[in-house]
Amino acid sequence: MAQPDPKRDRPYFLRHRYSSNNTWGIPTLKRNTTLSLKHLGVIRYDNTRCKDKRSTNKIVHFFIDDDKFENTYYQPEGCLRKLAQYKHVLTPDFSLYTDMPLAIQLFNTFRNRWCGAFWQELGLSVLPTITWGNKESFDFCFKGVPKGSVVAISTIGCKHCKEAFMLGYNEMLNQITPELILCFDMPFPEMDGNVIYIKTDRFPQKKKKESTIWEEEELIQGTLDLNRWTSI
């Protein structure tokens, strides 16, 4: 008789503790109804601090290089105390490049939702980051997000692949029908939906003191001249 495998009892081995309503076992997040934009700022994950003495009325985002936040999945408890200080946390933006094998795109979608479910279980206010790759990814990359959710996306690096971006964007509208879309970086004029434009500092400059970086914080500033988006 085969002996039980002790590895199966490790807390982050099977990764099957969260409910899922799809074929791939991608965790299903709870719809967040607590978002308030009043005096709300944004901060990159790699600019967050333990015992942050700055304003923590911010959304933590992950629109940075993947290697800066791999720990959120492989060592999920290590960043909890830091993230819990902030008002809202986006799910990690693990990349779905079109030239990635589809299996990796699926895995990165799973990791995105798993981290969100883990943080929600522990009481953090979580908003799903939505990203997509090639058309084949549309079968899974929008799963685990309830219809009518507030979602976050980014147009960073998409200026030269606008057609592919818009294909995925419109499919997101169809599958999720978001209540609100937080768009990090400038939206395209063709983007329908209730879009909030959030300016981002993609390459923050360092101060003279090497240990600190200019914090990224953009507060609500009013309506853009485009007159269809609100700017944060």
Protein backbone atom coordinates (compact mmCIF):
# COMPACT_ATOMS: atom_id res chain seq x y z
CA MET A 1 0.00 0.00 0.00
CA ALA A 2 1.40 3.38 -1.00
CA GLN A 3 2.38 5.65 1.84
CA PRO A 4 0.88 9.18 2.03
CA ASP A 5 3.13 11.77 0.48
CA PRO A 6 3.99 14.35 3.19
CA LYS A 7 4.58 16.98 0.51
CA ARG A 8 0.85 17.06 -0.15
CA ASP A 9 0.29 18.53 3.32
CA ARG A 10 2.52 21.52 2.72
CA PRO A 11 0.36 24.66 2.68
CA TYR A 12 1.57 25.96 -0.70
CA PHE A 13 2.03 22.69 -2.57
CA LEU A 14 -1.39 21.78 -4.02
CA ARG A 15 -2.74 25.34 -4.06
CA HIS A 16 -6.33 24.09 -4.24
CA ARG A 17 -7.85 25.63 -1.11
CA TYR A 18 -9.90 28.33 -2.87
CA SER A 19 -13.17 27.77 -4.66
CA SER A 20 -13.23 27.91 -8.43
CA ASN A 21 -16.01 28.00 -11.00
CA ASN A 22 -13.92 27.11 -14.05
CA THR A 23 -12.23 24.13 -15.67
CA TRP A 24 -8.68 25.15 -14.76
CA GLY A 25 -9.19 25.61 -11.03
CA ILE A 26 -8.39 29.32 -11.23
CA PRO A 27 -9.60 30.75 -7.89
CA THR A 28 -12.74 32.85 -8.01
CA LEU A 29 -12.34 36.23 -6.30
CA LYS A 30 -15.02 38.01 -4.30
CA ARG A 31 -16.40 41.17 -5.85
CA ASN A 32 -14.97 44.24 -4.11
CA THR A 33 -17.58 46.85 -3.18
CA THR A 34 -15.44 49.03 -0.90
CA LEU A 35 -13.55 51.22 -3.42
CA SER A 36 -13.65 54.96 -2.78
CA LEU A 37 -11.57 57.28 -4.96
CA LYS A 38 -11.62 60.18 -2.51
CA HIS A 39 -8.04 61.31 -1.76
CA LEU A 40 -6.81 57.95 -3.02
CA GLY A 41 -3.25 57.59 -4.28
CA VAL A 42 -1.31 54.82 -6.01
CA ILE A 43 2.04 53.23 -5.24
CA ARG A 44 4.20 50.64 -7.00
CA TYR A 45 4.74 47.42 -5.08
CA ASP A 46 8.50 47.92 -5.12
CA ASN A 47 8.04 51.34 -3.48
CA THR A 48 6.03 50.02 -0.53
CA ARG A 49 7.67 49.97 2.88
CA CYS A 50 7.24 48.17 6.16
CA LYS A 51 5.81 50.56 8.78
CA ASP A 52 5.21 53.14 6.05
CA LYS A 53 5.06 56.62 7.61
CA ARG A 54 3.73 58.21 4.43
CA SER A 55 0.05 58.22 3.57
CA THR A 56 -1.22 54.66 3.16
CA ASN A 57 -4.51 55.69 1.55
CA LYS A 58 -3.28 54.15 -1.69
CA ILE A 59 -3.75 51.36 -4.19
CA VAL A 60 -0.71 49.10 -4.48
CA HIS A 61 -0.11 48.12 -8.11
CA PHE A 62 2.20 45.63 -9.84
CA PHE A 63 2.74 47.20 -13.27
CA ILE A 64 6.48 46.63 -12.95
CA ASP A 65 8.89 43.85 -13.94
CA ASP A 66 7.70 40.42 -12.81
CA ASP A 67 10.90 39.61 -10.95
CA LYS A 68 10.14 42.43 -8.49
CA PHE A 69 7.07 40.61 -7.14
CA GLU A 70 7.63 36.87 -7.66
CA ASN A 71 7.74 36.56 -3.87
CA THR A 72 4.02 37.34 -3.64
CA TYR A 73 3.30 33.84 -4.97
CA TYR A 74 6.25 31.77 -3.78
CA GLN A 75 6.54 33.37 -0.32
CA PRO A 76 3.03 34.81 0.14
CA GLU A 77 3.22 35.41 3.87
CA GLY A 78 6.38 37.49 3.60
CA CYS A 79 4.68 40.59 2.17
CA LEU A 80 1.41 40.44 4.13
CA ARG A 81 2.26 42.84 6.93
CA LYS A 82 3.50 45.43 4.44
CA LEU A 83 0.56 45.17 2.06
CA ALA A 84 -2.02 45.23 4.84
CA GLN A 85 -1.13 48.88 5.59
CA TYR A 86 -2.58 50.13 2.32
CA LYS A 87 -6.19 50.86 1.41
CA HIS A 88 -6.41 48.53 -1.60
CA VAL A 89 -4.13 46.01 -3.32
CA LEU A 90 -4.28 44.95 -6.97
CA THR A 91 -3.60 41.34 -7.82
CA PRO A 92 -0.05 40.81 -9.18
CA ASP A 93 0.36 41.52 -12.89
CA PHE A 94 2.16 38.33 -13.89
CA SER A 95 2.86 38.77 -17.59
CA LEU A 96 0.93 37.10 -20.41
CA TYR A 97 3.17 37.77 -23.41
CA THR A 98 1.81 36.58 -26.73
CA ASP A 99 5.01 34.62 -27.45
CA MET A 100 4.82 32.77 -24.13
CA PRO A 101 3.69 29.13 -24.25
CA LEU A 102 -0.02 29.01 -23.48
CA ALA A 103 0.68 26.85 -20.41
CA ILE A 104 2.72 29.67 -18.85
CA GLN A 105 0.01 32.20 -19.67
CA LEU A 106 -2.47 29.94 -17.87
CA PHE A 107 -0.14 29.52 -14.89
CA ASN A 108 0.36 33.27 -14.59
CA THR A 109 -3.40 33.83 -14.65
CA PHE A 110 -3.73 31.24 -11.87
CA ARG A 111 -1.04 32.98 -9.81
CA ASN A 112 -2.75 36.34 -10.25
CA ARG A 113 -6.05 35.06 -8.86
CA TRP A 114 -4.48 32.82 -6.21
CA CYS A 115 -2.68 35.76 -4.62
CA GLY A 116 -5.90 37.77 -4.70
CA ALA A 117 -7.89 34.98 -3.03
CA PHE A 118 -5.16 34.53 -0.41
CA TRP A 119 -5.18 38.23 0.44
CA GLN A 120 -8.97 38.42 0.51
CA GLU A 121 -9.06 35.49 2.93
CA LEU A 122 -6.84 37.49 5.28
CA GLY A 123 -8.95 40.64 5.09
CA LEU A 124 -7.16 42.79 2.49
CA SER A 125 -9.20 44.87 0.05
CA VAL A 126 -8.32 43.33 -3.32
CA LEU A 127 -9.02 44.51 -6.87
CA PRO A 128 -8.28 42.17 -9.79
CA THR A 129 -5.67 43.08 -12.37
CA ILE A 130 -6.71 41.84 -15.81
CA THR A 131 -4.20 41.00 -18.49
CA TRP A 132 -4.35 38.88 -21.62
CA GLY A 133 -2.03 37.41 -24.20
CA ASN A 134 -2.90 35.94 -27.58
CA LYS A 135 -6.45 35.15 -28.60
CA GLU A 136 -6.12 31.59 -27.29
CA SER A 137 -5.68 33.00 -23.77
CA PHE A 138 -9.22 34.43 -23.83
CA ASP A 139 -10.51 31.01 -22.79
CA PHE A 140 -9.00 31.43 -19.31
CA CYS A 141 -7.46 34.88 -18.72
CA PHE A 142 -10.75 36.49 -17.61
CA LYS A 143 -11.79 33.62 -15.33
CA GLY A 144 -12.09 33.99 -11.58
CA VAL A 145 -13.38 37.58 -11.77
CA PRO A 146 -17.09 38.14 -11.00
CA LYS A 147 -19.17 40.08 -13.50
CA GLY A 148 -19.53 43.74 -12.64
CA SER A 149 -16.20 43.91 -10.77
CA VAL A 150 -13.95 46.94 -10.51
CA VAL A 151 -10.83 45.90 -12.43
CA ALA A 152 -7.38 47.30 -13.21
CA ILE A 153 -5.56 47.17 -16.54
CA SER A 154 -2.51 48.85 -18.05
CA THR A 155 -1.64 50.22 -21.47
CA ILE A 156 2.06 50.41 -20.62
CA GLY A 157 4.01 48.93 -23.56
CA CYS A 158 0.87 48.52 -25.69
CA LYS A 159 1.22 51.53 -27.97
CA HIS A 160 2.75 49.45 -30.79
CA CYS A 161 0.27 46.56 -30.50
CA LYS A 162 -2.93 48.53 -30.16
CA GLU A 163 -5.01 46.21 -32.34
CA ALA A 164 -4.15 43.16 -30.22
CA PHE A 165 -4.71 45.14 -27.02
CA MET A 166 -8.16 46.30 -28.13
CA LEU A 167 -9.14 42.76 -29.11
CA GLY A 168 -8.47 41.59 -25.56
CA TYR A 169 -9.96 44.72 -24.01
CA ASN A 170 -13.26 44.27 -25.83
CA GLU A 171 -13.33 40.59 -24.86
CA MET A 172 -12.84 41.65 -21.23
CA LEU A 173 -15.85 43.97 -21.54
CA ASN A 174 -17.85 41.08 -22.94
CA GLN A 175 -16.85 38.48 -20.34
CA ILE A 176 -16.59 40.60 -17.17
CA THR A 177 -18.68 43.75 -17.93
CA PRO A 178 -16.67 45.74 -15.34
CA GLU A 179 -18.39 48.36 -13.25
CA LEU A 180 -15.23 50.46 -13.33
CA ILE A 181 -11.90 50.12 -15.14
CA LEU A 182 -8.75 51.58 -13.55
CA CYS A 183 -6.42 52.17 -16.49
CA PHE A 184 -2.78 52.65 -15.56
CA ASP A 185 -1.23 54.88 -18.26
CA MET A 186 -3.08 56.68 -21.02
CA PRO A 187 -6.22 54.93 -22.34
CA PHE A 188 -6.81 54.57 -26.05
CA PRO A 189 -9.63 56.71 -27.47
CA GLU A 190 -11.42 53.56 -28.66
CA MET A 191 -11.80 52.15 -25.13
CA ASP A 192 -15.44 51.92 -24.09
CA GLY A 193 -16.64 51.52 -20.52
CA ASN A 194 -16.32 53.52 -17.31
CA VAL A 195 -12.58 54.19 -17.45
CA ILE A 196 -10.48 55.92 -14.78
CA TYR A 197 -7.10 57.11 -16.07
CA ILE A 198 -4.26 56.71 -13.57
CA LYS A 199 -0.96 58.32 -14.42
CA THR A 200 2.04 56.17 -13.60
CA ASP A 201 5.71 56.84 -13.07
CA ARG A 202 7.28 54.00 -15.05
CA PHE A 203 10.86 55.07 -14.38
CA PRO A 204 10.94 56.82 -10.98
CA GLN A 205 14.05 58.91 -10.43
CA LYS A 206 16.20 58.26 -7.41
CA LYS A 207 16.97 60.96 -4.92
CA LYS A 208 20.60 61.70 -4.08
CA LYS A 209 20.27 59.29 -1.22
CA GLU A 210 20.40 55.91 -2.96
CA SER A 211 18.27 54.11 -0.38
CA THR A 212 15.09 56.04 -1.19
CA ILE A 213 13.08 56.54 -4.34
CA TRP A 214 10.60 59.26 -5.14
CA GLU A 215 7.28 57.85 -4.17
CA GLU A 216 4.63 57.57 -6.84
CA GLU A 217 1.43 59.21 -5.70
CA GLU A 218 -1.20 60.66 -7.97
CA LEU A 219 -4.40 61.94 -6.40
CA ILE A 220 -7.66 62.74 -8.10
CA GLN A 221 -7.06 65.80 -10.24
CA GLY A 222 -10.32 66.23 -12.13
CA THR A 223 -11.55 65.40 -15.59
CA LEU A 224 -9.26 65.13 -18.60
CA ASP A 225 -9.72 67.30 -21.67
CA LEU A 226 -10.80 64.10 -23.42
CA ASN A 227 -13.93 64.54 -21.29
CA ARG A 228 -14.69 60.81 -21.11
CA TRP A 229 -12.12 59.70 -18.56
CA THR A 230 -11.51 60.83 -15.03
CA SER A 231 -7.89 61.30 -14.04
CA ILE A 232 -6.34 60.02 -10.85
